[in-house]
């Protein structure tokens, strides 16, 4: 599992425009060009969220297990 941070470019001044571009990027990952650049493994690749205002932790964990899983 990896967490990435994407900085907002200086030329984008509206937070909603940045959120829209992140949404488009998340949907773009379906394309061949994006899939061909990520490491292939048996688990696969999935973007749980790509938002400047929301962090999503995906997992079938109880609330007690979350703290142990995400250091």
Protein backbone atom coordinates (compact mmCIF):
# COMPACT_ATOMS: atom_id res chain seq x y z
CA UNK A 1 0.00 0.00 0.00
CA UNK A 2 1.30 3.42 -0.88
CA UNK A 3 0.08 6.92 -0.14
CA UNK A 4 0.91 9.70 -2.57
CA UNK A 5 0.60 13.44 -2.17
CA UNK A 6 -0.06 15.64 -5.21
CA UNK A 7 0.60 19.36 -4.87
CA UNK A 8 -1.71 21.84 -6.49
CA UNK A 9 0.03 23.67 -9.34
CA UNK A 10 0.50 27.41 -8.82
CA UNK A 11 -1.65 28.29 -11.84
CA UNK A 12 -4.74 26.62 -10.30
CA UNK A 13 -6.21 29.03 -7.79
CA UNK A 14 -9.66 27.51 -7.34
CA UNK A 15 -9.73 24.45 -5.01
CA UNK A 16 -12.76 23.03 -6.81
CA UNK A 17 -10.88 23.11 -10.13
CA UNK A 18 -8.04 21.17 -8.50
CA UNK A 19 -10.52 18.62 -7.12
CA UNK A 20 -12.02 18.23 -10.61
CA UNK A 21 -8.59 17.63 -12.15
CA UNK A 22 -7.82 15.00 -9.50
CA UNK A 23 -11.14 13.30 -10.28
CA UNK A 24 -10.23 13.23 -13.98
CA UNK A 25 -6.78 11.83 -13.15
CA UNK A 26 -8.32 9.07 -11.03
CA UNK A 27 -10.59 8.07 -13.92
CA UNK A 28 -7.72 8.37 -16.42
CA UNK A 29 -5.92 5.52 -14.66
CA UNK A 30 -8.09 3.12 -16.66
CA UNK A 31 -6.17 3.98 -19.81
CA UNK A 32 -3.37 1.85 -21.21
CA UNK A 33 -0.73 4.57 -20.91
CA UNK A 34 -1.23 4.89 -17.16
CA UNK A 35 -1.49 1.16 -16.53
CA UNK A 36 1.74 0.55 -18.44
CA UNK A 37 3.74 2.81 -16.08
CA UNK A 38 2.80 1.25 -12.71
CA UNK A 39 4.50 -1.76 -11.20
CA UNK A 40 2.71 -5.00 -11.87
CA UNK A 41 2.24 -7.45 -9.02
CA UNK A 42 -0.19 -10.12 -7.89
CA UNK A 43 -2.20 -7.70 -5.76
CA UNK A 44 -2.93 -5.24 -8.56
CA UNK A 45 -3.37 -1.48 -8.56
CA UNK A 46 -6.29 0.53 -7.25
CA UNK A 47 -6.76 4.19 -6.35
CA UNK A 48 -9.02 4.35 -3.30
CA UNK A 49 -9.33 8.13 -3.41
CA UNK A 50 -7.74 11.07 -5.14
CA UNK A 51 -9.03 14.15 -3.36
CA UNK A 52 -7.44 17.20 -1.82
CA UNK A 53 -9.93 17.21 1.05
CA UNK A 54 -10.62 13.54 1.85
CA UNK A 55 -8.33 10.68 2.86
CA UNK A 56 -9.77 7.20 2.42
CA UNK A 57 -8.24 4.14 4.02
CA UNK A 58 -9.55 1.00 2.34
CA UNK A 59 -9.57 -2.23 4.26
CA UNK A 60 -11.87 -4.62 5.99
CA UNK A 61 -10.57 -3.73 9.41
CA UNK A 62 -12.17 -3.10 12.76
CA UNK A 63 -11.48 0.26 14.39
CA UNK A 64 -8.97 -1.43 16.72
CA UNK A 65 -7.07 -2.97 13.78
CA UNK A 66 -6.72 0.31 11.86
CA UNK A 67 -4.16 1.82 14.25
CA UNK A 68 -2.03 -1.34 14.15
CA UNK A 69 -2.17 -1.56 10.34
CA UNK A 70 -1.41 2.10 9.53
CA UNK A 71 1.63 3.05 11.62
